[in-house]
PDB file of N, CA and C in Angstrom:
ATOM      1  N   MET A   1     -31.796  39.590 -57.386  1.00  0.00           N
ATOM      2  CA  MET A   1     -31.628  39.437 -55.960  1.00  0.00           C
ATOM      3  C   MET A   1     -30.375  38.606 -55.704  1.00  0.00           C
ATOM      4  N   ASN A   2     -29.494  39.095 -54.902  1.00  0.00           N
ATOM      5  CA  ASN A   2     -28.259  38.399 -54.578  1.00  0.00           C
ATOM      6  C   ASN A   2     -28.358  37.803 -53.179  1.00  0.00           C
ATOM      7  N   ALA A   3     -29.023  36.657 -53.075  1.00  0.00           N
ATOM      8  CA  ALA A   3     -29.166  35.996 -51.787  1.00  0.00           C
ATOM      9  C   ALA A   3     -27.861  35.308 -51.416  1.00  0.00           C
ATOM     10  N   ARG A   4     -27.503  35.427 -50.166  1.00  0.00           N
ATOM     11  CA  ARG A   4     -26.293  34.782 -49.669  1.00  0.00           C
ATOM     12  C   ARG A   4     -26.561  33.298 -49.437  1.00  0.00           C
ATOM     13  N   THR A   5     -25.634  32.457 -49.833  1.00  0.00           N
ATOM     14  CA  THR A   5     -25.804  31.022 -49.638  1.00  0.00           C
ATOM     15  C   THR A   5     -24.584  30.445 -48.944  1.00  0.00           C
ATOM     16  N   ASN A   6     -24.784  29.273 -48.351  1.00  0.00           N
ATOM     17  CA  ASN A   6     -23.693  28.555 -47.716  1.00  0.00           C
ATOM     18  C   ASN A   6     -23.288  27.368 -48.569  1.00  0.00           C
ATOM     19  N   ILE A   7     -23.570  27.440 -49.844  1.00  0.00           N
ATOM     20  CA  ILE A   7     -23.300  26.335 -50.750  1.00  0.00           C
ATOM     21  C   ILE A   7     -21.998  26.587 -51.490  1.00  0.00           C
ATOM     22  N   GLN A   8     -21.189  25.530 -51.599  1.00  0.00           N
ATOM     23  CA  GLN A   8     -19.931  25.620 -52.336  1.00  0.00           C
ATOM     24  C   GLN A   8     -19.997  24.619 -53.484  1.00  0.00           C
ATOM     25  N   VAL A   9     -19.666  25.068 -54.677  1.00  0.00           N
ATOM     26  CA  VAL A   9     -19.649  24.195 -55.847  1.00  0.00           C
ATOM     27  C   VAL A   9     -18.193  23.867 -56.165  1.00  0.00           C
ATOM     28  N   ILE A  10     -17.928  22.583 -56.343  1.00  0.00           N
ATOM     29  CA  ILE A  10     -16.583  22.131 -56.688  1.00  0.00           C
ATOM     30  C   ILE A  10     -16.626  21.607 -58.118  1.00  0.00           C
ATOM     31  N   ASN A  11     -15.790  22.192 -58.954  1.00  0.00           N
ATOM     32  CA  ASN A  11     -15.741  21.797 -60.354  1.00  0.00           C
ATOM     33  C   ASN A  11     -14.815  20.600 -60.556  1.00  0.00           C
ATOM     34  N   GLY A  12     -15.171  19.794 -61.526  1.00  0.00           N
ATOM     35  CA  GLY A  12     -14.349  18.648 -61.887  1.00  0.00           C
ATOM     36  C   GLY A  12     -13.222  19.062 -62.808  1.00  0.00           C
ATOM     37  N   PRO A  13     -12.424  18.090 -63.268  1.00  0.00           N
ATOM     38  CA  PRO A  13     -11.292  18.381 -64.158  1.00  0.00           C
ATOM     39  C   PRO A  13     -11.708  19.062 -65.459  1.00  0.00           C
ATOM     40  N   ASP A  14     -12.958  18.812 -65.866  1.00  0.00           N
ATOM     41  CA  ASP A  14     -13.435  19.417 -67.106  1.00  0.00           C
ATOM     42  C   ASP A  14     -13.970  20.838 -66.908  1.00  0.00           C
ATOM     43  N   GLY A  15     -13.916  21.318 -65.655  1.00  0.00           N
ATOM     44  CA  GLY A  15     -14.382  22.668 -65.367  1.00  0.00           C
ATOM     45  C   GLY A  15     -15.872  22.769 -65.104  1.00  0.00           C
ATOM     46  N   LYS A  16     -16.585  21.666 -65.215  1.00  0.00           N
ATOM     47  CA  LYS A  16     -18.023  21.662 -64.958  1.00  0.00           C
ATOM     48  C   LYS A  16     -18.295  21.276 -63.510  1.00  0.00           C
ATOM     49  N   PRO A  17     -19.412  21.766 -62.940  1.00  0.00           N
ATOM     50  CA  PRO A  17     -19.729  21.412 -61.558  1.00  0.00           C
ATOM     51  C   PRO A  17     -19.783  19.892 -61.368  1.00  0.00           C
ATOM     52  N   ALA A  18     -19.080  19.405 -60.332  1.00  0.00           N
ATOM     53  CA  ALA A  18     -19.040  17.973 -60.044  1.00  0.00           C
ATOM     54  C   ALA A  18     -19.618  17.656 -58.661  1.00  0.00           C
ATOM     55  N   PHE A  19     -19.459  18.570 -57.710  1.00  0.00           N
ATOM     56  CA  PHE A  19     -19.928  18.356 -56.345  1.00  0.00           C
ATOM     57  C   PHE A  19     -20.514  19.647 -55.789  1.00  0.00           C
ATOM     58  N   VAL A  20     -21.410  19.492 -54.830  1.00  0.00           N
ATOM     59  CA  VAL A  20     -21.949  20.630 -54.101  1.00  0.00           C
ATOM     60  C   VAL A  20     -21.744  20.342 -52.621  1.00  0.00           C
ATOM     61  N   VAL A  21     -21.195  21.307 -51.903  1.00  0.00           N
ATOM     62  CA  VAL A  21     -20.960  21.168 -50.469  1.00  0.00           C
ATOM     63  C   VAL A  21     -21.884  22.134 -49.741  1.00  0.00           C
ATOM     64  N   ILE A  22     -22.619  21.592 -48.758  1.00  0.00           N
ATOM     65  CA  ILE A  22     -23.497  22.428 -47.935  1.00  0.00           C
ATOM     66  C   ILE A  22     -23.153  22.187 -46.471  1.00  0.00           C
ATOM     67  N   PRO A  23     -23.480  23.128 -45.586  1.00  0.00           N
ATOM     68  CA  PRO A  23     -23.217  22.913 -44.160  1.00  0.00           C
ATOM     69  C   PRO A  23     -23.940  21.654 -43.660  1.00  0.00           C
ATOM     70  N   TYR A  24     -23.296  20.944 -42.750  1.00  0.00           N
ATOM     71  CA  TYR A  24     -23.824  19.675 -42.260  1.00  0.00           C
ATOM     72  C   TYR A  24     -25.216  19.835 -41.651  1.00  0.00           C
ATOM     73  N   ALA A  25     -25.441  20.878 -40.876  1.00  0.00           N
ATOM     74  CA  ALA A  25     -26.747  21.082 -40.236  1.00  0.00           C
ATOM     75  C   ALA A  25     -27.860  21.208 -41.287  1.00  0.00           C
ATOM     76  N   GLU A  26     -27.561  21.896 -42.387  1.00  0.00           N
ATOM     77  CA  GLU A  26     -28.551  22.019 -43.464  1.00  0.00           C
ATOM     78  C   GLU A  26     -28.807  20.670 -44.112  1.00  0.00           C
ATOM     79  N   TYR A  27     -27.755  19.896 -44.311  1.00  0.00           N
ATOM     80  CA  TYR A  27     -27.896  18.563 -44.898  1.00  0.00           C
ATOM     81  C   TYR A  27     -28.777  17.682 -44.016  1.00  0.00           C
ATOM     82  N   VAL A  28     -28.498  17.673 -42.720  1.00  0.00           N
ATOM     83  CA  VAL A  28     -29.265  16.836 -41.799  1.00  0.00           C
ATOM     84  C   VAL A  28     -30.731  17.240 -41.815  1.00  0.00           C
ATOM     85  N   GLN A  29     -31.000  18.541 -41.767  1.00  0.00           N
ATOM     86  CA  GLN A  29     -32.385  19.011 -41.765  1.00  0.00           C
ATOM     87  C   GLN A  29     -33.091  18.622 -43.058  1.00  0.00           C
ATOM     88  N   LYS A  30     -32.452  18.833 -44.191  1.00  0.00           N
ATOM     89  CA  LYS A  30     -33.049  18.457 -45.487  1.00  0.00           C
ATOM     90  C   LYS A  30     -33.281  16.965 -45.560  1.00  0.00           C
ATOM     91  N   HIS A  31     -32.278  16.200 -45.128  1.00  0.00           N
ATOM     92  CA  HIS A  31     -32.385  14.737 -45.165  1.00  0.00           C
ATOM     93  C   HIS A  31     -33.542  14.273 -44.285  1.00  0.00           C
ATOM     94  N   ARG A  32     -33.669  14.865 -43.112  1.00  0.00           N
ATOM     95  CA  ARG A  32     -34.737  14.510 -42.179  1.00  0.00           C
ATOM     96  C   ARG A  32     -36.103  14.829 -42.795  1.00  0.00           C
ATOM     97  N   GLU A  33     -36.213  15.998 -43.419  1.00  0.00           N
ATOM     98  CA  GLU A  33     -37.485  16.413 -44.015  1.00  0.00           C
ATOM     99  C   GLU A  33     -37.856  15.541 -45.211  1.00  0.00           C
ATOM    100  N   GLU A  34     -36.887  15.248 -46.048  1.00  0.00           N
ATOM    101  CA  GLU A  34     -37.172  14.539 -47.286  1.00  0.00           C
ATOM    102  C   GLU A  34     -37.381  13.048 -47.095  1.00  0.00           C
ATOM    103  N   THR A  35     -36.682  12.464 -46.172  1.00  0.00           N
ATOM    104  CA  THR A  35     -36.763  11.016 -46.028  1.00  0.00           C
ATOM    105  C   THR A  35     -37.659  10.578 -44.897  1.00  0.00           C
ATOM    106  N   GLY A  36     -37.867  11.433 -43.918  1.00  0.00           N
ATOM    107  CA  GLY A  36     -38.704  11.067 -42.792  1.00  0.00           C
ATOM    108  C   GLY A  36     -38.087   9.989 -41.925  1.00  0.00           C
ATOM    109  N   LEU A  37     -36.774   9.864 -41.960  1.00  0.00           N
ATOM    110  CA  LEU A  37     -36.113   8.838 -41.168  1.00  0.00           C
ATOM    111  C   LEU A  37     -36.151   9.166 -39.686  1.00  0.00           C
ATOM    112  N   ILE A  38     -36.059   8.136 -38.885  1.00  0.00           N
ATOM    113  CA  ILE A  38     -36.026   8.285 -37.438  1.00  0.00           C
ATOM    114  C   ILE A  38     -34.653   7.798 -36.975  1.00  0.00           C
ATOM    115  N   PRO A  39     -33.878   8.650 -36.307  1.00  0.00           N
ATOM    116  CA  PRO A  39     -32.542   8.258 -35.877  1.00  0.00           C
ATOM    117  C   PRO A  39     -32.558   7.038 -34.946  1.00  0.00           C
ATOM    118  N   HIS A  40     -31.512   6.240 -35.028  1.00  0.00           N
ATOM    119  CA  HIS A  40     -31.385   5.052 -34.195  1.00  0.00           C
ATOM    120  C   HIS A  40     -31.512   5.400 -32.714  1.00  0.00           C
ATOM    121  N   ASP A  41     -30.936   6.522 -32.312  1.00  0.00           N
ATOM    122  CA  ASP A  41     -30.995   6.954 -30.914  1.00  0.00           C
ATOM    123  C   ASP A  41     -32.442   7.121 -30.449  1.00  0.00           C
ATOM    124  N   VAL A  42     -33.280   7.686 -31.299  1.00  0.00           N
ATOM    125  CA  VAL A  42     -34.692   7.888 -30.944  1.00  0.00           C
ATOM    126  C   VAL A  42     -35.390   6.541 -30.803  1.00  0.00           C
ATOM    127  N   VAL A  43     -35.161   5.656 -31.744  1.00  0.00           N
ATOM    128  CA  VAL A  43     -35.775   4.328 -31.691  1.00  0.00           C
ATOM    129  C   VAL A  43     -35.319   3.592 -30.441  1.00  0.00           C
ATOM    130  N   SER A  44     -34.023   3.643 -30.143  1.00  0.00           N
ATOM    131  CA  SER A  44     -33.484   2.968 -28.957  1.00  0.00           C
ATOM    132  C   SER A  44     -34.132   3.475 -27.676  1.00  0.00           C
ATOM    133  N   ARG A  45     -34.312   4.772 -27.595  1.00  0.00           N
ATOM    134  CA  ARG A  45     -34.930   5.352 -26.400  1.00  0.00           C
ATOM    135  C   ARG A  45     -36.373   4.867 -26.238  1.00  0.00           C
ATOM    136  N   THR A  46     -37.098   4.729 -27.347  1.00  0.00           N
ATOM    137  CA  THR A  46     -38.484   4.246 -27.238  1.00  0.00           C
ATOM    138  C   THR A  46     -38.513   2.768 -26.873  1.00  0.00           C
ATOM    139  N   VAL A  47     -37.568   2.006 -27.375  1.00  0.00           N
ATOM    140  CA  VAL A  47     -37.487   0.588 -27.004  1.00  0.00           C
ATOM    141  C   VAL A  47     -37.217   0.466 -25.506  1.00  0.00           C
ATOM    142  N   ASP A  48     -36.439   1.398 -24.965  1.00  0.00           N
ATOM    143  CA  ASP A  48     -36.131   1.390 -23.537  1.00  0.00           C
ATOM    144  C   ASP A  48     -37.270   1.958 -22.686  1.00  0.00           C
ATOM    145  N   GLY A  49     -38.381   2.355 -23.314  1.00  0.00           N
ATOM    146  CA  GLY A  49     -39.560   2.781 -22.564  1.00  0.00           C
ATOM    147  C   GLY A  49     -39.959   4.234 -22.661  1.00  0.00           C
ATOM    148  N   ALA A  50     -39.172   5.059 -23.323  1.00  0.00           N
ATOM    149  CA  ALA A  50     -39.524   6.477 -23.460  1.00  0.00           C
ATOM    150  C   ALA A  50     -40.620   6.636 -24.510  1.00  0.00           C
ATOM    151  N   SER A  51     -41.459   7.643 -24.323  1.00  0.00           N
ATOM    152  CA  SER A  51     -42.445   7.970 -25.353  1.00  0.00           C
ATOM    153  C   SER A  51     -41.689   8.576 -26.541  1.00  0.00           C
ATOM    154  N   PRO A  52     -42.261   8.517 -27.734  1.00  0.00           N
ATOM    155  CA  PRO A  52     -41.588   9.144 -28.879  1.00  0.00           C
ATOM    156  C   PRO A  52     -41.300  10.635 -28.649  1.00  0.00           C
ATOM    157  N   VAL A  53     -42.209  11.323 -27.979  1.00  0.00           N
ATOM    158  CA  VAL A  53     -42.005  12.748 -27.706  1.00  0.00           C
ATOM    159  C   VAL A  53     -40.760  12.938 -26.836  1.00  0.00           C
ATOM    160  N   ARG A  54     -40.658  12.156 -25.786  1.00  0.00           N
ATOM    161  CA  ARG A  54     -39.489  12.260 -24.902  1.00  0.00           C
ATOM    162  C   ARG A  54     -38.213  11.840 -25.628  1.00  0.00           C
ATOM    163  N   ALA A  55     -38.281  10.766 -26.400  1.00  0.00           N
ATOM    164  CA  ALA A  55     -37.105  10.276 -27.121  1.00  0.00           C
ATOM    165  C   ALA A  55     -36.561  11.343 -28.065  1.00  0.00           C
ATOM    166  N   TRP A  56     -37.442  12.003 -28.815  1.00  0.00           N
ATOM    167  CA  TRP A  56     -37.003  13.060 -29.723  1.00  0.00           C
ATOM    168  C   TRP A  56     -36.422  14.236 -28.947  1.00  0.00           C
ATOM    169  N   ARG A  57     -37.094  14.635 -27.854  1.00  0.00           N
ATOM    170  CA  ARG A  57     -36.608  15.777 -27.074  1.00  0.00           C
ATOM    171  C   ARG A  57     -35.209  15.499 -26.553  1.00  0.00           C
ATOM    172  N   GLU A  58     -35.009  14.317 -25.975  1.00  0.00           N
ATOM    173  CA  GLU A  58     -33.697  13.968 -25.437  1.00  0.00           C
ATOM    174  C   GLU A  58     -32.653  13.853 -26.558  1.00  0.00           C
ATOM    175  N   HIS A  59     -33.053  13.295 -27.680  1.00  0.00           N
ATOM    176  CA  HIS A  59     -32.136  13.173 -28.820  1.00  0.00           C
ATOM    177  C   HIS A  59     -31.640  14.544 -29.279  1.00  0.00           C
ATOM    178  N   LEU A  60     -32.513  15.522 -29.222  1.00  0.00           N
ATOM    179  CA  LEU A  60     -32.166  16.877 -29.664  1.00  0.00           C
ATOM    180  C   LEU A  60     -31.571  17.733 -28.542  1.00  0.00           C
ATOM    181  N   ASN A  61     -31.304  17.086 -27.394  1.00  0.00           N
ATOM    182  CA  ASN A  61     -30.685  17.767 -26.236  1.00  0.00           C
ATOM    183  C   ASN A  61     -31.491  18.969 -25.754  1.00  0.00           C
ATOM    184  N   LEU A  62     -32.786  18.806 -25.683  1.00  0.00           N
ATOM    185  CA  LEU A  62     -33.665  19.843 -25.166  1.00  0.00           C
ATOM    186  C   LEU A  62     -34.194  19.426 -23.799  1.00  0.00           C
ATOM    187  N   THR A  63     -34.460  20.401 -22.945  1.00  0.00           N
ATOM    188  CA  THR A  63     -35.066  20.109 -21.651  1.00  0.00           C
ATOM    189  C   THR A  63     -36.583  20.244 -21.768  1.00  0.00           C
ATOM    190  N   GLN A  64     -37.282  19.748 -20.759  1.00  0.00           N
ATOM    191  CA  GLN A  64     -38.732  19.926 -20.748  1.00  0.00           C
ATOM    192  C   GLN A  64     -39.075  21.414 -20.691  1.00  0.00           C
ATOM    193  N   ALA A  65     -38.280  22.180 -19.975  1.00  0.00           N
ATOM    194  CA  ALA A  65     -38.508  23.626 -19.900  1.00  0.00           C
ATOM    195  C   ALA A  65     -38.348  24.273 -21.280  1.00  0.00           C
ATOM    196  N   ASP A  66     -37.340  23.839 -22.050  1.00  0.00           N
ATOM    197  CA  ASP A  66     -37.156  24.351 -23.414  1.00  0.00           C
ATOM    198  C   ASP A  66     -38.404  24.104 -24.249  1.00  0.00           C
ATOM    199  N   MET A  67     -38.906  22.872 -24.166  1.00  0.00           N
ATOM    200  CA  MET A  67     -40.086  22.506 -24.949  1.00  0.00           C
ATOM    201  C   MET A  67     -41.316  23.288 -24.500  1.00  0.00           C
ATOM    202  N   ALA A  68     -41.467  23.451 -23.200  1.00  0.00           N
ATOM    203  CA  ALA A  68     -42.613  24.204 -22.683  1.00  0.00           C
ATOM    204  C   ALA A  68     -42.608  25.631 -23.218  1.00  0.00           C
ATOM    205  N   ILE A  69     -41.423  26.235 -23.252  1.00  0.00           N
ATOM    206  CA  ILE A  69     -41.304  27.601 -23.781  1.00  0.00           C
ATOM    207  C   ILE A  69     -41.668  27.619 -25.257  1.00  0.00           C
ATOM    208  N   ARG A  70     -41.156  26.656 -26.026  1.00  0.00           N
ATOM    209  CA  ARG A  70     -41.463  26.594 -27.461  1.00  0.00           C
ATOM    210  C   ARG A  70     -42.956  26.430 -27.715  1.00  0.00           C
ATOM    211  N   LEU A  71     -43.624  25.697 -26.827  1.00  0.00           N
ATOM    212  CA  LEU A  71     -45.053  25.420 -27.008  1.00  0.00           C
ATOM    213  C   LEU A  71     -45.948  26.446 -26.322  1.00  0.00           C
ATOM    214  N   GLY A  72     -45.362  27.295 -25.495  1.00  0.00           N
ATOM    215  CA  GLY A  72     -46.143  28.307 -24.787  1.00  0.00           C
ATOM    216  C   GLY A  72     -47.005  27.731 -23.677  1.00  0.00           C
ATOM    217  N   ILE A  73     -46.492  26.691 -23.015  1.00  0.00           N
ATOM    218  CA  ILE A  73     -47.216  26.068 -21.907  1.00  0.00           C
ATOM    219  C   ILE A  73     -46.255  25.930 -20.729  1.00  0.00           C
ATOM    220  N   SER A  74     -46.786  25.491 -19.582  1.00  0.00           N
ATOM    221  CA  SER A  74     -45.928  25.305 -18.415  1.00  0.00           C
ATOM    222  C   SER A  74     -45.145  24.003 -18.544  1.00  0.00           C
ATOM    223  N   GLN A  75     -44.055  23.923 -17.809  1.00  0.00           N
ATOM    224  CA  GLN A  75     -43.241  22.707 -17.823  1.00  0.00           C
ATOM    225  C   GLN A  75     -44.023  21.501 -17.296  1.00  0.00           C
ATOM    226  N   PRO A  76     -44.811  21.645 -16.205  1.00  0.00           N
ATOM    227  CA  PRO A  76     -45.590  20.489 -15.753  1.00  0.00           C
ATOM    228  C   PRO A  76     -46.617  20.019 -16.795  1.00  0.00           C
ATOM    229  N   ALA A  77     -47.204  20.964 -17.520  1.00  0.00           N
ATOM    230  CA  ALA A  77     -48.170  20.591 -18.564  1.00  0.00           C
ATOM    231  C   ALA A  77     -47.467  19.835 -19.679  1.00  0.00           C
ATOM    232  N   TYR A  78     -46.267  20.301 -20.031  1.00  0.00           N
ATOM    233  CA  TYR A  78     -45.511  19.589 -21.064  1.00  0.00           C
ATOM    234  C   TYR A  78     -45.113  18.207 -20.570  1.00  0.00           C
ATOM    235  N   SER A  79     -44.688  18.108 -19.339  1.00  0.00           N
ATOM    236  CA  SER A  79     -44.275  16.828 -18.759  1.00  0.00           C
ATOM    237  C   SER A  79     -45.403  15.800 -18.864  1.00  0.00           C
ATOM    238  N   GLU A  80     -46.623  16.256 -18.614  1.00  0.00           N
ATOM    239  CA  GLU A  80     -47.792  15.375 -18.729  1.00  0.00           C
ATOM    240  C   GLU A  80     -47.974  14.880 -20.161  1.00  0.00           C
ATOM    241  N   GLN A  81     -47.794  15.778 -21.121  1.00  0.00           N
ATOM    242  CA  GLN A  81     -47.943  15.399 -22.533  1.00  0.00           C
ATOM    243  C   GLN A  81     -46.869  14.399 -22.933  1.00  0.00           C
ATOM    244  N   GLU A  82     -45.671  14.598 -22.426  1.00  0.00           N
ATOM    245  CA  GLU A  82     -44.547  13.761 -22.802  1.00  0.00           C
ATOM    246  C   GLU A  82     -44.590  12.377 -22.160  1.00  0.00           C
ATOM    247  N   SER A  83     -45.271  12.261 -21.053  1.00  0.00           N
ATOM    248  CA  SER A  83     -45.240  11.021 -20.270  1.00  0.00           C
ATOM    249  C   SER A  83     -45.748   9.800 -21.022  1.00  0.00           C
ATOM    250  N   GLY A  84     -46.570  10.012 -22.020  1.00  0.00           N
ATOM    251  CA  GLY A  84     -47.126   8.878 -22.752  1.00  0.00           C
ATOM    252  C   GLY A  84     -48.394   8.350 -22.102  1.00  0.00           C
ATOM    253  N   GLN A  85     -48.750   8.913 -20.963  1.00  0.00           N
ATOM    254  CA  GLN A  85     -49.949   8.478 -20.245  1.00  0.00           C
ATOM    255  C   GLN A  85     -51.221   9.025 -20.905  1.00  0.00           C
ATOM    256  N   LEU A  86     -51.095  10.198 -21.504  1.00  0.00           N
ATOM    257  CA  LEU A  86     -52.244  10.827 -22.165  1.00  0.00           C
ATOM    258  C   LEU A  86     -52.268  10.477 -23.644  1.00  0.00           C
ATOM    259  N   ARG A  87     -53.454  10.382 -24.184  1.00  0.00           N
ATOM    260  CA  ARG A  87     -53.591  10.231 -25.636  1.00  0.00           C
ATOM    261  C   ARG A  87     -53.647  11.644 -26.217  1.00  0.00           C
ATOM    262  N   LEU A  88     -52.600  12.015 -26.938  1.00  0.00           N
ATOM    263  CA  LEU A  88     -52.502  13.371 -27.463  1.00  0.00           C
ATOM    264  C   LEU A  88     -53.352  13.548 -28.716  1.00  0.00           C
ATOM    265  N   ARG A  89     -53.987  14.704 -28.800  1.00  0.00           N
ATOM    266  CA  ARG A  89     -54.745  15.036 -30.006  1.00  0.00           C
ATOM    267  C   ARG A  89     -53.777  15.278 -31.155  1.00  0.00           C
ATOM    268  N   LYS A  90     -54.280  15.107 -32.365  1.00  0.00           N
ATOM    269  CA  LYS A  90     -53.446  15.298 -33.557  1.00  0.00           C
ATOM    270  C   LYS A  90     -52.864  16.712 -33.587  1.00  0.00           C
ATOM    271  N   ALA A  91     -53.679  17.708 -33.246  1.00  0.00           N
ATOM    272  CA  ALA A  91     -53.210  19.100 -33.259  1.00  0.00           C
ATOM    273  C   ALA A  91     -52.055  19.298 -32.280  1.00  0.00           C
ATOM    274  N   THR A  92     -52.129  18.644 -31.125  1.00  0.00           N
ATOM    275  CA  THR A  92     -51.051  18.746 -30.137  1.00  0.00           C
ATOM    276  C   THR A  92     -49.788  18.084 -30.664  1.00  0.00           C
ATOM    277  N   LYS A  93     -49.930  16.912 -31.270  1.00  0.00           N
ATOM    278  CA  LYS A  93     -48.764  16.229 -31.845  1.00  0.00           C
ATOM    279  C   LYS A  93     -48.134  17.069 -32.944  1.00  0.00           C
ATOM    280  N   GLU A  94     -48.961  17.725 -33.749  1.00  0.00           N
ATOM    281  CA  GLU A  94     -48.434  18.567 -34.825  1.00  0.00           C
ATOM    282  C   GLU A  94     -47.621  19.731 -34.253  1.00  0.00           C
ATOM    283  N   LYS A  95     -48.113  20.342 -33.173  1.00  0.00           N
ATOM    284  CA  LYS A  95     -47.389  21.450 -32.539  1.00  0.00           C
ATOM    285  C   LYS A  95     -46.058  20.966 -31.962  1.00  0.00           C
ATOM    286  N   ILE A  96     -46.087  19.799 -31.321  1.00  0.00           N
ATOM    287  CA  ILE A  96     -44.856  19.259 -30.746  1.00  0.00           C
ATOM    288  C   ILE A  96     -43.854  18.935 -31.851  1.00  0.00           C
ATOM    289  N   ALA A  97     -44.317  18.288 -32.906  1.00  0.00           N
ATOM    290  CA  ALA A  97     -43.431  17.949 -34.027  1.00  0.00           C
ATOM    291  C   ALA A  97     -42.811  19.214 -34.622  1.00  0.00           C
ATOM    292  N   ALA A  98     -43.626  20.229 -34.835  1.00  0.00           N
ATOM    293  CA  ALA A  98     -43.119  21.481 -35.404  1.00  0.00           C
ATOM    294  C   ALA A  98     -42.081  22.113 -34.479  1.00  0.00           C
ATOM    295  N   SER A  99     -42.322  22.059 -33.177  1.00  0.00           N
ATOM    296  CA  SER A  99     -41.369  22.664 -32.239  1.00  0.00           C
ATOM    297  C   SER A  99     -40.057  21.879 -32.178  1.00  0.00           C
ATOM    298  N   LEU A 100     -40.101  20.605 -32.540  1.00  0.00           N
ATOM    299  CA  LEU A 100     -38.899  19.774 -32.588  1.00  0.00           C
ATOM    300  C   LEU A 100     -38.208  19.845 -33.950  1.00  0.00           C
ATOM    301  N   GLY A 101     -38.885  20.415 -34.947  1.00  0.00           N
ATOM    302  CA  GLY A 101     -38.324  20.499 -36.296  1.00  0.00           C
ATOM    303  C   GLY A 101     -38.402  19.186 -37.050  1.00  0.00           C
ATOM    304  N   ILE A 102     -39.408  18.377 -36.738  1.00  0.00           N
ATOM    305  CA  ILE A 102     -39.604  17.094 -37.412  1.00  0.00           C
ATOM    306  C   ILE A 102     -41.016  17.026 -37.964  1.00  0.00           C
ATOM    307  N   THR A 103     -41.302  15.981 -38.723  1.00  0.00           N
ATOM    308  CA  THR A 103     -42.646  15.808 -39.263  1.00  0.00           C
ATOM    309  C   THR A 103     -43.514  15.052 -38.267  1.00  0.00           C
ATOM    310  N   LEU A 104     -44.811  15.140 -38.447  1.00  0.00           N
ATOM    311  CA  LEU A 104     -45.740  14.408 -37.596  1.00  0.00           C
ATOM    312  C   LEU A 104     -45.502  12.905 -37.730  1.00  0.00           C
ATOM    313  N   GLU A 105     -45.196  12.447 -38.925  1.00  0.00           N
ATOM    314  CA  GLU A 105     -44.955  11.021 -39.161  1.00  0.00           C
ATOM    315  C   GLU A 105     -43.730  10.542 -38.386  1.00  0.00           C
ATOM    316  N   GLN A 106     -42.714  11.394 -38.266  1.00  0.00           N
ATOM    317  CA  GLN A 106     -41.521  11.005 -37.511  1.00  0.00           C
ATOM    318  C   GLN A 106     -41.814  10.939 -36.012  1.00  0.00           C
ATOM    319  N   LEU A 107     -42.743  11.738 -35.555  1.00  0.00           N
ATOM    320  CA  LEU A 107     -43.095  11.745 -34.135  1.00  0.00           C
ATOM    321  C   LEU A 107     -44.063  10.616 -33.802  1.00  0.00           C
ATOM    322  N   ASP A 108     -44.946  10.332 -34.706  1.00  0.00           N
ATOM    323  CA  ASP A 108     -46.060   9.399 -34.445  1.00  0.00           C
ATOM    324  C   ASP A 108     -45.760   8.019 -35.031  1.00  0.00           C
ATOM    325  N   PHE A 109     -44.710   7.380 -34.537  1.00  0.00           N
ATOM    326  CA  PHE A 109     -44.359   6.063 -35.056  1.00  0.00           C
ATOM    327  C   PHE A 109     -44.649   4.982 -34.045  1.00  0.00           C
TER     328      PHE A 109
END
């Protein structure tokens, strides 16, 4: 199977692989998945009073309407979930995290 990749291998002076270059978006996604880090921007937004759900959505430049479409619910229903006023069920948090492309642990801090 000849799968297409976006990976570039750079050989050293000895002709052996020395570096691997991947697209930045792939690096960020892998880094986020593997380390579970929370960006400073997200933390700052929560310190300023935003719920983690809202902080992540804003960090990723998504609108409430975008999120509602991803979750298959209305925008007002999503707004209620994001407000932080409701205690969200684990299943709901998992769906939101998946729609944001993050882990539940990154959302539930």
